Structures are given as C-alpha cells and as structure tokens.
C-alpha atoms as a PDB file:
ATOM      1  CA  MET A   1    -246.561 203.500 -69.298  1.00  0.00           C
ATOM      2  CA  LYS A   2    -243.465 203.924 -71.418  1.00  0.00           C
ATOM      3  CA  LYS A   3    -239.997 204.355 -70.071  1.00  0.00           C
ATOM      4  CA  ILE A   4    -237.058 206.021 -71.760  1.00  0.00           C
ATOM      5  CA  LEU A   5    -233.766 204.125 -71.662  1.00  0.00           C
ATOM      6  CA  ALA A   6    -230.374 205.549 -72.587  1.00  0.00           C
ATOM      7  CA  LEU A   7    -226.778 204.487 -73.088  1.00  0.00           C
ATOM      8  CA  ALA A   8    -223.621 206.589 -73.348  1.00  0.00           C
ATOM      9  CA  LEU A   9    -221.846 205.770 -76.612  1.00  0.00           C
ATOM     10  CA  PHE A  10    -218.366 204.871 -75.394  1.00  0.00           C
ATOM     11  CA  GLY A  11    -216.510 201.551 -75.434  1.00  0.00           C
ATOM     12  CA  LEU A  12    -218.734 199.825 -77.953  1.00  0.00           C
ATOM     13  CA  THR A  13    -217.829 196.449 -79.398  1.00  0.00           C
ATOM     14  CA  ALA A  14    -217.679 195.776 -83.141  1.00  0.00           C
ATOM     15  CA  VAL A  15    -220.696 194.791 -85.215  1.00  0.00           C
ATOM     16  CA  ALA A  16    -220.607 191.624 -87.300  1.00  0.00           C
ATOM     17  CA  PRO A  17    -220.630 192.406 -91.048  1.00  0.00           C
ATOM     18  CA  VAL A  18    -224.035 192.402 -92.776  1.00  0.00           C
ATOM     19  CA  THR A  19    -226.002 191.677 -89.581  1.00  0.00           C
ATOM     20  CA  ALA A  20    -227.273 195.256 -89.288  1.00  0.00           C
ATOM     21  CA  ILE A  21    -226.991 197.853 -92.034  1.00  0.00           C
ATOM     22  CA  PRO A  22    -227.920 201.552 -91.967  1.00  0.00           C
ATOM     23  CA  VAL A  23    -229.904 202.641 -95.022  1.00  0.00           C
ATOM     24  CA  TRP A  24    -231.923 205.712 -95.960  1.00  0.00           C
ATOM     25  CA  GLU A  25    -234.586 205.607 -97.570  1.00  0.00           C
ATOM     26  CA  PRO A  26    -236.144 202.592 -95.834  1.00  0.00           C
ATOM     27  CA  LEU A  27    -236.364 199.523 -98.083  1.00  0.00           C
ATOM     28  CA  ALA A  28    -239.688 197.947 -99.092  1.00  0.00           C
ATOM     29  CA  ILE A  29    -239.007 194.943 -96.827  1.00  0.00           C
ATOM     30  CA  MET A  30    -238.605 197.346 -93.890  1.00  0.00           C
ATOM     31  CA  HIS A  31    -242.041 198.809 -94.602  1.00  0.00           C
ATOM     32  CA  ASP A  32    -243.407 195.242 -94.648  1.00  0.00           C
ATOM     33  CA  ILE A  33    -241.774 194.408 -91.292  1.00  0.00           C
ATOM     34  CA  TRP A  34    -243.111 197.594 -89.731  1.00  0.00           C
ATOM     35  CA  ALA A  35    -246.585 196.919 -91.145  1.00  0.00           C
ATOM     36  CA  THR A  36    -246.683 193.462 -89.519  1.00  0.00           C
ATOM     37  CA  ALA A  37    -246.004 195.204 -86.191  1.00  0.00           C
ATOM     38  CA  GLY A  38    -248.746 197.791 -86.715  1.00  0.00           C
ATOM     39  CA  ILE A  39    -246.328 200.603 -87.546  1.00  0.00           C
ATOM     40  CA  GLY A  40    -248.223 202.370 -90.271  1.00  0.00           C
ATOM     41  CA  GLU A  41    -247.972 205.269 -92.650  1.00  0.00           C
ATOM     42  CA  GLY A  42    -248.362 207.890 -89.918  1.00  0.00           C
ATOM     43  CA  ARG A  43    -245.215 206.796 -88.096  1.00  0.00           C
ATOM     44  CA  ILE A  44    -243.351 206.316 -91.385  1.00  0.00           C
ATOM     45  CA  ASN A  45    -244.254 209.903 -92.310  1.00  0.00           C
ATOM     46  CA  VAL A  46    -242.775 211.101 -88.998  1.00  0.00           C
ATOM     47  CA  MET A  47    -239.509 209.377 -89.964  1.00  0.00           C
ATOM     48  CA  HIS A  48    -239.431 211.234 -93.259  1.00  0.00           C
ATOM     49  CA  ARG A  49    -240.205 214.581 -91.578  1.00  0.00           C
ATOM     50  CA  ALA A  50    -237.407 214.240 -89.032  1.00  0.00           C
ATOM     51  CA  THR A  51    -234.685 216.811 -89.604  1.00  0.00           C
ATOM     52  CA  GLY A  52    -231.019 216.313 -88.901  1.00  0.00           C
ATOM     53  CA  PRO A  53    -229.117 213.062 -89.182  1.00  0.00           C
ATOM     54  CA  LYS A  54    -231.389 210.023 -89.528  1.00  0.00           C
ATOM     55  CA  THR A  55    -231.284 206.497 -90.838  1.00  0.00           C
ATOM     56  CA  ALA A  56    -233.115 203.214 -90.763  1.00  0.00           C
ATOM     57  CA  ILE A  57    -231.352 200.012 -89.721  1.00  0.00           C
ATOM     58  CA  ILE A  58    -232.128 196.636 -91.276  1.00  0.00           C
ATOM     59  CA  ALA A  59    -231.082 193.526 -89.375  1.00  0.00           C
ATOM     60  CA  ARG A  60    -230.355 190.215 -91.077  1.00  0.00           C
ATOM     61  CA  GLY A  61    -230.350 186.757 -89.565  1.00  0.00           C
ATOM     62  CA  ASN A  62    -230.118 183.331 -91.155  1.00  0.00           C
ATOM     63  CA  ASP A  63    -229.517 185.038 -94.524  1.00  0.00           C
ATOM     64  CA  HIS A  64    -232.901 186.791 -94.384  1.00  0.00           C
ATOM     65  CA  PRO A  65    -234.248 190.159 -93.229  1.00  0.00           C
ATOM     66  CA  GLY A  66    -235.066 189.816 -89.557  1.00  0.00           C
ATOM     67  CA  GLY A  67    -235.910 193.246 -88.240  1.00  0.00           C
ATOM     68  CA  CYS A  68    -235.564 196.984 -88.570  1.00  0.00           C
ATOM     69  CA  GLY A  69    -235.662 200.245 -86.709  1.00  0.00           C
ATOM     70  CA  PHE A  70    -235.304 203.988 -87.192  1.00  0.00           C
ATOM     71  CA  VAL A  71    -232.888 206.342 -85.461  1.00  0.00           C
ATOM     72  CA  ALA A  72    -232.582 210.132 -85.596  1.00  0.00           C
ATOM     73  CA  ILE A  73    -230.330 212.561 -83.764  1.00  0.00           C
ATOM     74  CA  HIS A  74    -231.242 215.806 -82.055  1.00  0.00           C
ATOM     75  CA  ASP A  75    -228.975 217.775 -79.766  1.00  0.00           C
ATOM     76  CA  GLY A  76    -226.457 214.937 -79.346  1.00  0.00           C
ATOM     77  CA  VAL A  77    -229.087 212.334 -78.459  1.00  0.00           C
ATOM     78  CA  ALA A  78    -229.954 209.554 -80.899  1.00  0.00           C
ATOM     79  CA  MET A  79    -233.489 208.249 -80.387  1.00  0.00           C
ATOM     80  CA  MET A  80    -234.356 204.813 -81.715  1.00  0.00           C
ATOM     81  CA  HIS A  81    -237.969 204.258 -82.822  1.00  0.00           C
ATOM     82  CA  ALA A  82    -240.004 201.541 -84.505  1.00  0.00           C
ATOM     83  CA  VAL A  83    -237.684 198.741 -83.368  1.00  0.00           C
ATOM     84  CA  GLU A  84    -239.134 195.475 -84.609  1.00  0.00           C
ATOM     85  CA  ILE A  85    -237.688 191.970 -84.882  1.00  0.00           C
ATOM     86  CA  LEU A  86    -239.783 189.405 -86.747  1.00  0.00           C
ATOM     87  CA  PRO A  87    -241.140 186.756 -84.365  1.00  0.00           C
ATOM     88  CA  HIS A  88    -239.265 183.845 -85.990  1.00  0.00           C
ATOM     89  CA  GLN A  89    -235.982 185.818 -85.765  1.00  0.00           C
ATOM     90  CA  ARG A  90    -236.251 186.764 -82.079  1.00  0.00           C
ATOM     91  CA  LYS A  91    -233.868 185.508 -79.374  1.00  0.00           C
ATOM     92  CA  GLN A  92    -231.044 185.108 -81.888  1.00  0.00           C
ATOM     93  CA  GLY A  93    -229.135 188.314 -81.166  1.00  0.00           C
ATOM     94  CA  LEU A  94    -230.526 190.480 -83.982  1.00  0.00           C
ATOM     95  CA  GLY A  95    -231.839 193.097 -81.579  1.00  0.00           C
ATOM     96  CA  LYS A  96    -228.381 193.487 -80.030  1.00  0.00           C
ATOM     97  CA  TRP A  97    -226.707 193.774 -83.430  1.00  0.00           C
ATOM     98  CA  MET A  98    -229.260 196.330 -84.605  1.00  0.00           C
ATOM     99  CA  MET A  99    -228.883 198.439 -81.454  1.00  0.00           C
ATOM    100  CA  ARG A 100    -225.090 198.273 -81.674  1.00  0.00           C
ATOM    101  CA  ARG A 101    -225.178 199.350 -85.334  1.00  0.00           C
ATOM    102  CA  ALA A 102    -227.495 202.207 -84.390  1.00  0.00           C
ATOM    103  CA  ALA A 103    -225.047 203.202 -81.636  1.00  0.00           C
ATOM    104  CA  PHE A 104    -222.079 203.201 -84.017  1.00  0.00           C
ATOM    105  CA  TRP A 105    -224.047 205.173 -86.605  1.00  0.00           C
ATOM    106  CA  ALA A 106    -225.137 207.646 -83.924  1.00  0.00           C
ATOM    107  CA  ARG A 107    -221.584 208.152 -82.660  1.00  0.00           C
ATOM    108  CA  GLU A 108    -220.299 208.636 -86.229  1.00  0.00           C
ATOM    109  CA  ASN A 109    -222.964 211.313 -86.690  1.00  0.00           C
ATOM    110  CA  GLY A 110    -222.211 213.315 -83.555  1.00  0.00           C
ATOM    111  CA  ALA A 111    -224.409 211.753 -80.880  1.00  0.00           C
ATOM    112  CA  THR A 112    -223.116 210.859 -77.434  1.00  0.00           C
ATOM    113  CA  ILE A 113    -226.244 209.056 -76.167  1.00  0.00           C
ATOM    114  CA  LEU A 114    -228.505 206.409 -77.686  1.00  0.00           C
ATOM    115  CA  SER A 115    -232.036 206.248 -76.294  1.00  0.00           C
ATOM    116  CA  VAL A 116    -235.204 204.263 -76.919  1.00  0.00           C
ATOM    117  CA  ALA A 117    -238.765 204.291 -75.573  1.00  0.00           C
ATOM    118  CA  CYS A 118    -240.240 200.979 -74.459  1.00  0.00           C
ATOM    119  CA  THR A 119    -243.416 199.964 -72.684  1.00  0.00           C
ATOM    120  CA  GLN A 120    -242.932 198.480 -69.236  1.00  0.00           C
ATOM    121  CA  ALA A 121    -244.921 195.432 -70.346  1.00  0.00           C
ATOM    122  CA  ASN A 122    -242.485 194.583 -73.170  1.00  0.00           C
ATOM    123  CA  THR A 123    -240.298 192.276 -71.101  1.00  0.00           C
ATOM    124  CA  GLY A 124    -238.315 190.977 -74.077  1.00  0.00           C
ATOM    125  CA  ALA A 125    -237.301 194.433 -75.267  1.00  0.00           C
ATOM    126  CA  ASN A 126    -236.581 195.586 -71.714  1.00  0.00           C
ATOM    127  CA  ALA A 127    -234.296 192.581 -71.221  1.00  0.00           C
ATOM    128  CA  LEU A 128    -232.491 193.431 -74.471  1.00  0.00           C
ATOM    129  CA  TYR A 129    -231.949 197.079 -73.523  1.00  0.00           C
ATOM    130  CA  SER A 130    -230.828 196.158 -70.019  1.00  0.00           C
ATOM    131  CA  SER A 131    -228.327 193.620 -71.412  1.00  0.00           C
ATOM    132  CA  LEU A 132    -226.819 196.435 -73.466  1.00  0.00           C
ATOM    133  CA  GLY A 133    -226.291 198.526 -70.332  1.00  0.00           C
ATOM    134  CA  MET A 134    -229.128 200.955 -71.022  1.00  0.00           C
ATOM    135  CA  THR A 135    -230.682 202.531 -67.944  1.00  0.00           C
ATOM    136  CA  VAL A 136    -234.060 204.157 -67.356  1.00  0.00           C
ATOM    137  CA  VAL A 137    -233.792 207.955 -67.524  1.00  0.00           C
ATOM    138  CA  GLY A 138    -237.492 208.870 -67.609  1.00  0.00           C
ATOM    139  CA  GLN A 139    -241.019 207.666 -68.227  1.00  0.00           C
ATOM    140  CA  TYR A 140    -244.331 208.898 -69.567  1.00  0.00           C
ATOM    141  CA  HIS A 141    -247.839 207.737 -70.377  1.00  0.00           C
ATOM    142  CA  TYR A 142    -250.593 208.880 -72.672  1.00  0.00           C
ATOM    143  CA  ARG A 143    -253.875 210.177 -71.337  1.00  0.00           C
ATOM    144  CA  HIS A 144    -257.111 209.999 -73.252  1.00  0.00           C
ATOM    145  CA  LEU A 145    -260.707 210.919 -72.656  1.00  0.00           C
ATOM    146  CA  PRO A 146    -262.786 207.948 -71.548  1.00  0.00           C
ATOM    147  CA  THR A 147    -264.976 206.513 -74.262  1.00  0.00           C
ATOM    148  CA  GLU A 148    -268.169 204.535 -73.955  1.00  0.00           C
ATOM    149  CA  LYS A 149    -266.124 201.379 -74.655  1.00  0.00           C
ATOM    150  CA  ASP A 150    -263.834 202.185 -71.664  1.00  0.00           C
ATOM    151  CA  ALA A 151    -266.872 202.201 -69.358  1.00  0.00           C
ATOM    152  CA  THR A 152    -267.778 198.589 -70.141  1.00  0.00           C
END
C-alpha cells in the first residue's frame, strides 16, 4: 500500500548551495541513478508528458551526484516522484536537501503544498518525510488479477 504525504510550503529553511539543483531536462547521470532504482523509460516518459511547471532535482554529496527526483505542479500541489538516493549516499542528509529544494522550487512556481507517494514498507523514506513535517493525507494500493505465479 502506498500513502500520500504532504507539507504546506511555509516557513522553510534555506538550502545549502549546490547540494540540490533544479534542472530540466534531466541530466544523463539522473537517468543512470533512476535506472539503478528500476525507474525506466516508461516513468521517464511520464515526466516528459507532464504539463505545467515541472523540474528534476539533482542532489550532490561528497562532491558527487548522490540522488535525484522529479516534481511537477498541478492545481497548487507539487507532487514529487522518482525520489532516489544512491545507497552509498544515504543517511547523509541528501534526501532532506533535495526535498527542501523541491519545496522552494514549488513555492516559487505557485504551489502551496508539496506531496510525495511512498510505500508503507519504505521505512527510511517514511522517516525522512516525517522528519520534514510531512503528514499522511491519503493512501492507495494497486489491484491486479491473480496469475498462476500468485497461486504458488
């Protein structure tokens, strides 16, 4: 099951320079980071098809690319997707910097809320979003027809 978390975009703290940078079109290294996380061409194509304000965010840590994500705005709500921090860069604050940069970008582009979808099982990401003050505002799950493999 996935839950939707949200944060009102008021009272944000500053973002350290060059730790998280908005860029559109996504850079080649961002495609590589997404690919390592299983985020393929289909989801990248959705990013390109999104209308309205959108950007990708690249996070840097230890003088190297450390993660990336995508954010787009609709109706005053910025939705963050494809958030990925490389395993060797985790637990160093990059996720917080990237989410803060996304929040600033969203506010500068007319959004009042930043949201993200996260599986309940992703304890690391849930801890990150909670530490930022994000709260659960909804949840959903996918249904699929049982396959022969499901029966075993």
